[in-house]
N, C-alpha and C. Protein backbone atom coordinates (compact mmCIF):
# COMPACT_ATOMS: atom_id res chain seq x y z
N UNK A 1 15.37 -66.37 -90.66
CA UNK A 1 15.57 -65.73 -89.38
C UNK A 1 17.05 -65.70 -89.02
N UNK A 2 17.73 -66.83 -89.12
CA UNK A 2 19.16 -66.91 -88.79
C UNK A 2 19.95 -66.08 -89.81
N UNK A 3 19.52 -66.13 -91.08
CA UNK A 3 20.21 -65.33 -92.10
C UNK A 3 20.13 -63.85 -91.76
N UNK A 4 18.94 -63.40 -91.35
CA UNK A 4 18.76 -61.99 -90.99
C UNK A 4 19.63 -61.61 -89.80
N UNK A 5 19.70 -62.48 -88.81
CA UNK A 5 20.52 -62.21 -87.63
C UNK A 5 21.99 -62.12 -88.02
N UNK A 6 22.47 -63.06 -88.83
CA UNK A 6 23.86 -63.05 -89.26
C UNK A 6 24.16 -61.82 -90.12
N UNK A 7 23.23 -61.46 -90.98
CA UNK A 7 23.42 -60.28 -91.82
C UNK A 7 23.51 -59.02 -90.96
N UNK A 8 22.63 -58.91 -89.98
CA UNK A 8 22.64 -57.75 -89.08
C UNK A 8 23.94 -57.69 -88.29
N UNK A 9 24.38 -58.82 -87.74
CA UNK A 9 25.64 -58.85 -86.99
C UNK A 9 26.82 -58.50 -87.88
N UNK A 10 26.81 -58.99 -89.10
CA UNK A 10 27.88 -58.67 -90.05
C UNK A 10 27.93 -57.19 -90.38
N UNK A 11 26.76 -56.60 -90.58
CA UNK A 11 26.70 -55.17 -90.88
C UNK A 11 27.19 -54.34 -89.70
N UNK A 12 26.81 -54.73 -88.50
CA UNK A 12 27.24 -53.98 -87.32
C UNK A 12 28.75 -54.11 -87.12
N UNK A 13 29.30 -55.28 -87.39
CA UNK A 13 30.75 -55.45 -87.27
C UNK A 13 31.48 -54.60 -88.30
N UNK A 14 30.95 -54.52 -89.50
CA UNK A 14 31.56 -53.69 -90.54
C UNK A 14 31.51 -52.22 -90.17
N UNK A 15 30.41 -51.80 -89.60
CA UNK A 15 30.27 -50.40 -89.20
C UNK A 15 31.21 -50.10 -88.04
N UNK A 16 31.29 -51.03 -87.09
CA UNK A 16 32.18 -50.83 -85.94
C UNK A 16 33.62 -50.70 -86.40
N UNK A 17 34.00 -51.46 -87.41
CA UNK A 17 35.36 -51.38 -87.92
C UNK A 17 35.61 -50.04 -88.59
N UNK A 18 34.57 -49.39 -89.08
CA UNK A 18 34.72 -48.12 -89.77
C UNK A 18 34.84 -46.93 -88.84
N UNK A 19 34.48 -47.07 -87.59
CA UNK A 19 34.56 -45.96 -86.66
C UNK A 19 35.98 -45.91 -86.12
N UNK A 20 36.70 -44.87 -86.47
CA UNK A 20 38.09 -44.78 -86.06
C UNK A 20 38.57 -43.35 -86.17
N UNK A 21 39.87 -43.19 -86.02
CA UNK A 21 40.47 -41.88 -86.15
C UNK A 21 40.18 -41.32 -87.54
N UNK A 22 39.84 -40.05 -87.57
CA UNK A 22 39.61 -39.39 -88.84
C UNK A 22 40.70 -38.35 -89.06
N UNK A 23 40.86 -37.97 -90.29
CA UNK A 23 41.92 -37.02 -90.64
C UNK A 23 41.54 -35.62 -90.15
N UNK A 24 42.53 -34.73 -90.03
CA UNK A 24 42.21 -33.35 -89.65
C UNK A 24 41.23 -32.70 -90.63
N UNK A 25 41.36 -33.00 -91.91
CA UNK A 25 40.47 -32.42 -92.91
C UNK A 25 39.02 -32.88 -92.69
N UNK A 26 38.84 -34.17 -92.39
CA UNK A 26 37.50 -34.69 -92.12
C UNK A 26 36.94 -34.08 -90.84
N UNK A 27 37.77 -33.96 -89.82
CA UNK A 27 37.32 -33.38 -88.55
C UNK A 27 36.91 -31.92 -88.74
N UNK A 28 37.69 -31.18 -89.51
CA UNK A 28 37.36 -29.78 -89.77
C UNK A 28 36.04 -29.66 -90.51
N UNK A 29 35.84 -30.50 -91.51
CA UNK A 29 34.59 -30.44 -92.27
C UNK A 29 33.39 -30.79 -91.37
N UNK A 30 33.55 -31.79 -90.52
CA UNK A 30 32.47 -32.15 -89.58
C UNK A 30 32.16 -30.98 -88.64
N UNK A 31 33.22 -30.33 -88.12
CA UNK A 31 33.03 -29.21 -87.20
C UNK A 31 32.33 -28.04 -87.89
N UNK A 32 32.75 -27.73 -89.11
CA UNK A 32 32.13 -26.63 -89.85
C UNK A 32 30.68 -26.94 -90.18
N UNK A 33 30.40 -28.19 -90.55
CA UNK A 33 29.01 -28.59 -90.83
C UNK A 33 28.15 -28.47 -89.57
N UNK A 34 28.70 -28.90 -88.43
CA UNK A 34 27.96 -28.81 -87.18
C UNK A 34 27.73 -27.35 -86.79
N UNK A 35 28.74 -26.51 -86.99
CA UNK A 35 28.60 -25.10 -86.67
C UNK A 35 27.55 -24.43 -87.55
N UNK A 36 27.49 -24.81 -88.81
CA UNK A 36 26.53 -24.21 -89.74
C UNK A 36 25.09 -24.60 -89.40
N UNK A 37 24.91 -25.75 -88.76
CA UNK A 37 23.55 -26.23 -88.43
C UNK A 37 22.96 -25.57 -87.19
N UNK A 38 23.78 -24.96 -86.35
CA UNK A 38 23.32 -24.42 -85.08
C UNK A 38 23.39 -22.90 -85.11
N UNK A 39 22.30 -22.24 -84.77
CA UNK A 39 22.24 -20.78 -84.82
C UNK A 39 23.29 -20.12 -83.93
N UNK A 40 23.63 -20.75 -82.80
CA UNK A 40 24.59 -20.13 -81.88
C UNK A 40 26.02 -20.20 -82.39
N UNK A 41 26.32 -21.06 -83.35
CA UNK A 41 27.69 -21.18 -83.88
C UNK A 41 27.77 -20.86 -85.37
N UNK A 42 26.69 -20.44 -85.96
CA UNK A 42 26.66 -20.18 -87.40
C UNK A 42 27.67 -19.10 -87.80
N UNK A 43 27.97 -18.17 -86.89
CA UNK A 43 28.92 -17.09 -87.21
C UNK A 43 30.31 -17.63 -87.53
N UNK A 44 30.62 -18.83 -87.06
CA UNK A 44 31.93 -19.42 -87.34
C UNK A 44 32.10 -19.75 -88.82
N UNK A 45 31.01 -19.91 -89.53
CA UNK A 45 31.09 -20.30 -90.95
C UNK A 45 30.67 -19.20 -91.90
N UNK A 46 30.08 -18.12 -91.39
CA UNK A 46 29.62 -17.04 -92.26
C UNK A 46 30.75 -16.08 -92.61
N UNK A 47 30.64 -15.48 -93.77
CA UNK A 47 31.56 -14.43 -94.22
C UNK A 47 33.03 -14.85 -94.20
N UNK A 48 33.32 -16.09 -94.42
CA UNK A 48 34.70 -16.56 -94.49
C UNK A 48 35.20 -16.43 -95.92
N UNK A 49 36.31 -15.75 -96.07
CA UNK A 49 36.93 -15.62 -97.38
C UNK A 49 37.79 -16.85 -97.61
N UNK A 50 38.11 -17.18 -98.88
CA UNK A 50 38.88 -18.39 -99.16
C UNK A 50 40.19 -18.50 -98.37
N UNK A 51 40.90 -17.42 -98.17
CA UNK A 51 42.17 -17.47 -97.44
C UNK A 51 41.99 -17.54 -95.93
N UNK A 52 40.76 -17.49 -95.46
CA UNK A 52 40.50 -17.47 -94.02
C UNK A 52 40.02 -18.81 -93.49
N UNK A 53 40.19 -19.85 -94.24
CA UNK A 53 39.77 -21.17 -93.77
C UNK A 53 40.60 -21.57 -92.55
N UNK A 54 39.96 -22.16 -91.54
CA UNK A 54 40.71 -22.60 -90.36
C UNK A 54 41.78 -23.63 -90.74
N UNK A 55 42.92 -23.53 -90.06
CA UNK A 55 44.02 -24.46 -90.31
C UNK A 55 44.38 -25.17 -89.01
N UNK A 56 44.83 -26.40 -89.14
CA UNK A 56 45.22 -27.18 -87.97
C UNK A 56 46.33 -26.45 -87.22
N UNK A 57 46.12 -26.21 -85.93
CA UNK A 57 47.13 -25.51 -85.16
C UNK A 57 47.62 -26.31 -83.95
N UNK A 58 46.88 -27.35 -83.54
CA UNK A 58 47.31 -28.12 -82.37
C UNK A 58 46.62 -29.48 -82.40
N UNK A 59 47.34 -30.51 -81.93
CA UNK A 59 46.79 -31.86 -81.82
C UNK A 59 47.05 -32.38 -80.42
N UNK A 60 45.99 -32.84 -79.75
CA UNK A 60 46.13 -33.48 -78.44
C UNK A 60 45.94 -34.98 -78.65
N UNK A 61 46.90 -35.76 -78.20
CA UNK A 61 46.83 -37.21 -78.37
C UNK A 61 46.17 -37.87 -77.16
N UNK A 62 45.74 -39.12 -77.36
CA UNK A 62 45.16 -39.90 -76.26
C UNK A 62 46.20 -40.13 -75.18
N UNK A 63 45.73 -40.23 -73.95
CA UNK A 63 46.64 -40.49 -72.84
C UNK A 63 47.13 -41.93 -72.86
N UNK A 64 46.26 -42.89 -73.19
CA UNK A 64 46.64 -44.30 -73.20
C UNK A 64 47.38 -44.70 -74.47
N UNK A 65 47.19 -43.95 -75.54
CA UNK A 65 47.84 -44.25 -76.81
C UNK A 65 48.38 -42.95 -77.39
N UNK A 66 49.55 -42.52 -76.93
CA UNK A 66 50.08 -41.22 -77.33
C UNK A 66 50.37 -41.07 -78.83
N UNK A 67 50.36 -42.16 -79.57
CA UNK A 67 50.60 -42.08 -81.00
C UNK A 67 49.33 -41.75 -81.79
N UNK A 68 48.17 -41.78 -81.13
CA UNK A 68 46.90 -41.55 -81.82
C UNK A 68 46.29 -40.22 -81.41
N UNK A 69 45.91 -39.42 -82.41
CA UNK A 69 45.28 -38.12 -82.15
C UNK A 69 43.91 -38.32 -81.51
N UNK A 70 43.59 -37.45 -80.55
CA UNK A 70 42.28 -37.48 -79.90
C UNK A 70 41.48 -36.22 -80.25
N UNK A 71 42.14 -35.07 -80.24
CA UNK A 71 41.46 -33.79 -80.45
C UNK A 71 42.30 -32.92 -81.38
N UNK A 72 41.62 -32.28 -82.32
CA UNK A 72 42.27 -31.32 -83.22
C UNK A 72 41.78 -29.92 -82.87
N UNK A 73 42.69 -28.94 -82.95
CA UNK A 73 42.32 -27.54 -82.80
C UNK A 73 42.68 -26.82 -84.10
N UNK A 74 41.71 -26.11 -84.65
CA UNK A 74 41.88 -25.39 -85.90
C UNK A 74 41.74 -23.90 -85.62
N UNK A 75 42.71 -23.10 -86.06
CA UNK A 75 42.65 -21.65 -85.87
C UNK A 75 42.41 -20.97 -87.20
N UNK A 76 41.67 -19.86 -87.14
CA UNK A 76 41.41 -19.06 -88.32
C UNK A 76 42.41 -17.91 -88.36
N UNK A 77 42.99 -17.62 -89.53
CA UNK A 77 43.96 -16.52 -89.63
C UNK A 77 43.36 -15.20 -89.17
N UNK A 78 44.21 -14.35 -88.62
CA UNK A 78 43.76 -13.03 -88.21
C UNK A 78 43.05 -13.00 -86.87
N UNK A 79 43.33 -13.97 -86.01
CA UNK A 79 42.70 -14.02 -84.67
C UNK A 79 41.19 -13.98 -84.75
N UNK A 80 40.61 -14.69 -85.72
CA UNK A 80 39.16 -14.71 -85.87
C UNK A 80 38.53 -15.96 -85.30
N UNK A 81 39.21 -16.61 -84.37
CA UNK A 81 38.61 -17.73 -83.67
C UNK A 81 39.28 -19.06 -83.93
N UNK A 82 38.77 -20.07 -83.23
CA UNK A 82 39.27 -21.44 -83.39
C UNK A 82 38.15 -22.42 -83.10
N UNK A 83 38.36 -23.65 -83.58
CA UNK A 83 37.41 -24.74 -83.40
C UNK A 83 38.14 -25.91 -82.75
N UNK A 84 37.46 -26.63 -81.88
CA UNK A 84 38.01 -27.84 -81.27
C UNK A 84 37.12 -28.99 -81.70
N UNK A 85 37.74 -29.99 -82.35
CA UNK A 85 36.98 -31.11 -82.90
C UNK A 85 37.67 -32.43 -82.55
N UNK A 86 36.90 -33.49 -82.31
CA UNK A 86 37.53 -34.78 -81.99
C UNK A 86 38.12 -35.44 -83.24
N UNK A 87 39.09 -36.30 -83.02
CA UNK A 87 39.72 -37.05 -84.11
C UNK A 87 39.06 -38.41 -84.27
N UNK A 88 37.84 -38.54 -83.79
CA UNK A 88 37.10 -39.80 -83.84
C UNK A 88 35.66 -39.46 -84.19
N UNK A 89 35.11 -40.13 -85.20
CA UNK A 89 33.77 -39.78 -85.68
C UNK A 89 32.64 -40.30 -84.80
N UNK A 90 32.96 -40.91 -83.66
CA UNK A 90 31.91 -41.37 -82.74
C UNK A 90 31.54 -40.31 -81.71
N UNK A 91 32.23 -39.19 -81.71
CA UNK A 91 31.98 -38.13 -80.75
C UNK A 91 31.40 -36.91 -81.45
N UNK A 92 30.75 -36.01 -80.69
CA UNK A 92 30.18 -34.81 -81.32
C UNK A 92 31.23 -34.06 -82.12
N UNK A 93 30.82 -33.53 -83.25
CA UNK A 93 31.74 -32.92 -84.22
C UNK A 93 32.41 -31.65 -83.70
N UNK A 94 31.75 -30.91 -82.85
CA UNK A 94 32.28 -29.64 -82.36
C UNK A 94 32.31 -29.68 -80.83
N UNK A 95 33.52 -29.73 -80.27
CA UNK A 95 33.67 -29.82 -78.82
C UNK A 95 33.76 -28.44 -78.17
N UNK A 96 34.28 -27.48 -78.90
CA UNK A 96 34.43 -26.14 -78.36
C UNK A 96 34.82 -25.19 -79.47
N UNK A 97 34.66 -23.89 -79.20
CA UNK A 97 35.02 -22.90 -80.21
C UNK A 97 35.16 -21.53 -79.57
N UNK A 98 35.77 -20.62 -80.29
CA UNK A 98 35.81 -19.21 -79.94
C UNK A 98 35.72 -18.45 -81.25
N UNK A 99 35.01 -17.34 -81.24
CA UNK A 99 34.95 -16.55 -82.47
C UNK A 99 35.96 -15.41 -82.45
N UNK A 100 36.85 -15.42 -81.46
CA UNK A 100 37.97 -14.49 -81.42
C UNK A 100 39.21 -15.25 -80.99
N UNK A 101 40.37 -14.66 -81.25
CA UNK A 101 41.63 -15.26 -80.83
C UNK A 101 42.06 -16.41 -81.72
N UNK A 102 43.14 -17.05 -81.32
CA UNK A 102 43.67 -18.21 -82.05
C UNK A 102 44.47 -19.06 -81.08
N UNK A 103 44.89 -20.21 -81.54
CA UNK A 103 45.68 -21.12 -80.71
C UNK A 103 47.05 -21.28 -81.36
N UNK A 104 48.08 -20.98 -80.59
CA UNK A 104 49.45 -21.13 -81.04
C UNK A 104 50.03 -22.34 -80.31
N UNK A 105 50.38 -23.38 -81.06
CA UNK A 105 50.85 -24.63 -80.46
C UNK A 105 52.09 -24.43 -79.60
N UNK A 106 52.91 -23.42 -79.91
CA UNK A 106 54.13 -23.18 -79.13
C UNK A 106 53.88 -22.35 -77.88
N UNK A 107 52.69 -21.78 -77.77
CA UNK A 107 52.40 -20.89 -76.65
C UNK A 107 50.99 -21.13 -76.12
N UNK A 108 50.60 -22.39 -75.98
CA UNK A 108 49.25 -22.71 -75.53
C UNK A 108 49.19 -22.61 -74.00
N UNK A 109 48.19 -21.92 -73.47
CA UNK A 109 48.10 -21.78 -72.01
C UNK A 109 47.92 -23.14 -71.32
N UNK A 110 48.50 -23.30 -70.13
CA UNK A 110 48.36 -24.57 -69.41
C UNK A 110 46.91 -24.97 -69.17
N UNK A 111 46.03 -23.99 -68.96
CA UNK A 111 44.63 -24.30 -68.71
C UNK A 111 43.98 -24.93 -69.95
N UNK A 112 44.35 -24.43 -71.12
CA UNK A 112 43.78 -25.00 -72.34
C UNK A 112 44.37 -26.39 -72.59
N UNK A 113 45.67 -26.56 -72.32
CA UNK A 113 46.27 -27.89 -72.44
C UNK A 113 45.54 -28.89 -71.54
N UNK A 114 45.24 -28.48 -70.32
CA UNK A 114 44.53 -29.35 -69.39
C UNK A 114 43.14 -29.67 -69.94
N UNK A 115 42.42 -28.66 -70.42
CA UNK A 115 41.07 -28.84 -70.95
C UNK A 115 41.08 -29.84 -72.11
N UNK A 116 42.02 -29.68 -73.03
CA UNK A 116 42.10 -30.60 -74.17
C UNK A 116 42.51 -32.00 -73.72
N UNK A 117 43.42 -32.07 -72.73
CA UNK A 117 43.83 -33.39 -72.24
C UNK A 117 42.68 -34.10 -71.54
N UNK A 118 41.78 -33.33 -70.90
CA UNK A 118 40.60 -33.93 -70.28
C UNK A 118 39.65 -34.50 -71.34
N UNK A 119 39.49 -33.78 -72.46
CA UNK A 119 38.71 -34.34 -73.56
C UNK A 119 39.31 -35.67 -74.00
N UNK A 120 40.63 -35.69 -74.19
CA UNK A 120 41.30 -36.91 -74.63
C UNK A 120 41.11 -38.04 -73.61
N UNK A 121 41.25 -37.71 -72.33
CA UNK A 121 41.10 -38.72 -71.28
C UNK A 121 39.67 -39.25 -71.23
N UNK A 122 38.68 -38.36 -71.33
CA UNK A 122 37.28 -38.78 -71.29
C UNK A 122 36.91 -39.62 -72.51
N UNK A 123 37.41 -39.24 -73.66
CA UNK A 123 37.14 -40.01 -74.88
C UNK A 123 37.78 -41.39 -74.78
N UNK A 124 39.00 -41.43 -74.26
CA UNK A 124 39.71 -42.70 -74.07
C UNK A 124 38.93 -43.60 -73.13
N UNK A 125 38.42 -43.03 -72.05
CA UNK A 125 37.63 -43.80 -71.08
C UNK A 125 36.34 -44.32 -71.73
N UNK A 126 35.67 -43.47 -72.49
CA UNK A 126 34.41 -43.88 -73.13
C UNK A 126 34.64 -45.03 -74.10
N UNK A 127 35.72 -44.97 -74.85
CA UNK A 127 36.03 -46.04 -75.80
C UNK A 127 36.40 -47.32 -75.06
N UNK A 128 37.28 -47.20 -74.07
CA UNK A 128 37.76 -48.38 -73.32
C UNK A 128 36.66 -49.09 -72.57
N UNK A 129 35.65 -48.35 -72.13
CA UNK A 129 34.59 -48.92 -71.32
C UNK A 129 33.28 -49.13 -72.07
N UNK A 130 33.32 -49.03 -73.38
CA UNK A 130 32.15 -49.31 -74.19
C UNK A 130 30.98 -48.36 -73.95
N UNK A 131 31.29 -47.12 -73.63
CA UNK A 131 30.23 -46.15 -73.34
C UNK A 131 29.71 -45.42 -74.57
N UNK A 132 30.29 -45.70 -75.72
CA UNK A 132 29.82 -45.08 -76.95
C UNK A 132 29.48 -46.16 -77.95
N UNK A 133 28.59 -45.83 -78.87
CA UNK A 133 28.27 -46.77 -79.94
C UNK A 133 29.36 -46.70 -80.99
N UNK A 134 29.72 -47.81 -81.55
CA UNK A 134 30.69 -47.83 -82.63
C UNK A 134 30.00 -47.56 -83.96
N UNK A 135 29.19 -46.53 -84.00
CA UNK A 135 28.47 -46.18 -85.21
C UNK A 135 28.83 -44.74 -85.56
N UNK A 136 29.61 -44.53 -86.61
CA UNK A 136 29.94 -43.16 -87.00
C UNK A 136 28.66 -42.39 -87.33
N UNK A 137 28.70 -41.07 -87.12
CA UNK A 137 27.49 -40.29 -87.31
C UNK A 137 27.04 -40.23 -88.76
N UNK A 138 27.92 -40.53 -89.71
CA UNK A 138 27.50 -40.47 -91.11
C UNK A 138 26.89 -41.77 -91.60
N UNK A 139 26.79 -42.78 -90.75
CA UNK A 139 26.15 -44.05 -91.10
C UNK A 139 24.77 -44.08 -90.46
N UNK A 140 23.75 -44.36 -91.24
CA UNK A 140 22.40 -44.44 -90.71
C UNK A 140 21.88 -45.86 -90.86
N UNK A 141 21.46 -46.45 -89.75
CA UNK A 141 20.85 -47.76 -89.78
C UNK A 141 19.45 -47.64 -89.22
N UNK A 142 18.57 -48.43 -89.73
CA UNK A 142 17.19 -48.38 -89.28
C UNK A 142 17.13 -48.66 -87.78
N UNK A 143 16.50 -47.75 -87.05
CA UNK A 143 16.31 -47.93 -85.62
C UNK A 143 17.48 -47.48 -84.76
N UNK A 144 18.60 -47.09 -85.37
CA UNK A 144 19.76 -46.65 -84.59
C UNK A 144 20.06 -45.20 -84.96
N UNK A 145 20.06 -44.35 -83.96
CA UNK A 145 20.42 -42.95 -84.16
C UNK A 145 21.57 -42.65 -83.21
N UNK A 146 22.78 -42.40 -83.73
CA UNK A 146 23.89 -42.08 -82.84
C UNK A 146 23.58 -40.85 -82.00
N UNK A 147 24.05 -40.84 -80.76
CA UNK A 147 23.74 -39.74 -79.84
C UNK A 147 24.20 -38.40 -80.37
N UNK A 148 25.31 -38.38 -81.13
CA UNK A 148 25.83 -37.10 -81.59
C UNK A 148 25.07 -36.53 -82.79
N UNK A 149 24.00 -37.17 -83.24
CA UNK A 149 23.21 -36.63 -84.33
C UNK A 149 21.76 -36.41 -83.92
N UNK A 150 21.43 -36.63 -82.67
CA UNK A 150 20.05 -36.44 -82.22
C UNK A 150 19.64 -34.98 -82.36
N UNK A 151 18.38 -34.77 -82.63
CA UNK A 151 17.86 -33.41 -82.77
C UNK A 151 17.95 -32.69 -81.43
N UNK A 152 18.32 -31.42 -81.50
CA UNK A 152 18.43 -30.62 -80.29
C UNK A 152 17.38 -29.52 -80.35
N UNK A 153 16.95 -29.10 -79.20
CA UNK A 153 16.00 -27.98 -79.14
C UNK A 153 16.72 -26.73 -79.64
N UNK A 154 16.03 -25.90 -80.41
CA UNK A 154 16.67 -24.67 -80.90
C UNK A 154 17.06 -23.76 -79.74
N UNK A 155 18.20 -23.12 -79.89
CA UNK A 155 18.68 -22.22 -78.85
C UNK A 155 18.82 -20.81 -79.42
N UNK A 156 18.57 -19.84 -78.60
CA UNK A 156 18.77 -18.46 -79.00
C UNK A 156 20.19 -18.07 -78.61
N UNK A 157 20.97 -17.58 -79.58
CA UNK A 157 22.35 -17.19 -79.25
C UNK A 157 22.36 -16.05 -78.23
N UNK A 158 23.32 -16.10 -77.33
CA UNK A 158 23.49 -15.02 -76.35
C UNK A 158 24.89 -14.46 -76.49
N UNK A 159 25.05 -13.23 -76.10
CA UNK A 159 26.36 -12.60 -76.14
C UNK A 159 27.22 -13.23 -75.04
N UNK A 160 28.53 -13.17 -75.19
CA UNK A 160 29.39 -13.73 -74.14
C UNK A 160 29.08 -13.08 -72.79
N UNK A 161 29.04 -13.90 -71.76
CA UNK A 161 28.77 -13.39 -70.43
C UNK A 161 30.03 -12.78 -69.82
N UNK A 162 31.17 -13.29 -70.20
CA UNK A 162 32.45 -12.77 -69.74
C UNK A 162 33.28 -12.39 -70.96
N UNK A 163 33.89 -11.24 -70.89
CA UNK A 163 34.75 -10.84 -72.00
C UNK A 163 36.19 -10.66 -71.52
N UNK A 164 36.50 -11.27 -70.38
CA UNK A 164 37.85 -11.18 -69.81
C UNK A 164 38.81 -11.98 -70.67
N UNK A 165 39.99 -11.40 -70.91
CA UNK A 165 41.03 -12.08 -71.67
C UNK A 165 42.30 -12.10 -70.81
N UNK A 166 42.82 -13.27 -70.62
CA UNK A 166 44.04 -13.42 -69.82
C UNK A 166 45.20 -13.71 -70.74
N UNK A 167 45.89 -12.70 -71.16
CA UNK A 167 47.10 -12.82 -71.98
C UNK A 167 46.84 -13.70 -73.21
N UNK A 168 45.66 -13.59 -73.78
CA UNK A 168 45.32 -14.37 -74.97
C UNK A 168 44.92 -13.44 -76.11
N UNK A 169 45.44 -12.26 -76.14
CA UNK A 169 45.16 -11.36 -77.24
C UNK A 169 44.22 -10.33 -76.83
């Protein structure tokens, strides 16, 4: 009984140590995988030619730790959209996306900067206050299902309700 308890605690500590900042390449792969699984975002991964792979275009760092990345933004060449993904594997793989336009780090609108900084602030708060499990989504333990991998009800994709563009192409 004590051996089982110690083994379980040891495994959880090892898993907790593994949940951390991930590379832009890992974040992009997680975002693309998540997009491919959902009918409403599947268009982000379909019909992509090899030269059209999204590339890192912007990084938003944590507010409390400015040296650590919180959110990555990946743009697809030719104004064919962008993906917003966290730099931590404890959060949902795809935070936001557009299937048109791109993000230019030198000319990012203040509203988008604020939106991304709010993601960073909220993620920082969740980590600091123990509001998330330290279990990366790619680790499966019996009886534990991370919130970011729970099954979702299927959704029917809808066309954009607003097509207004404010100096964004």
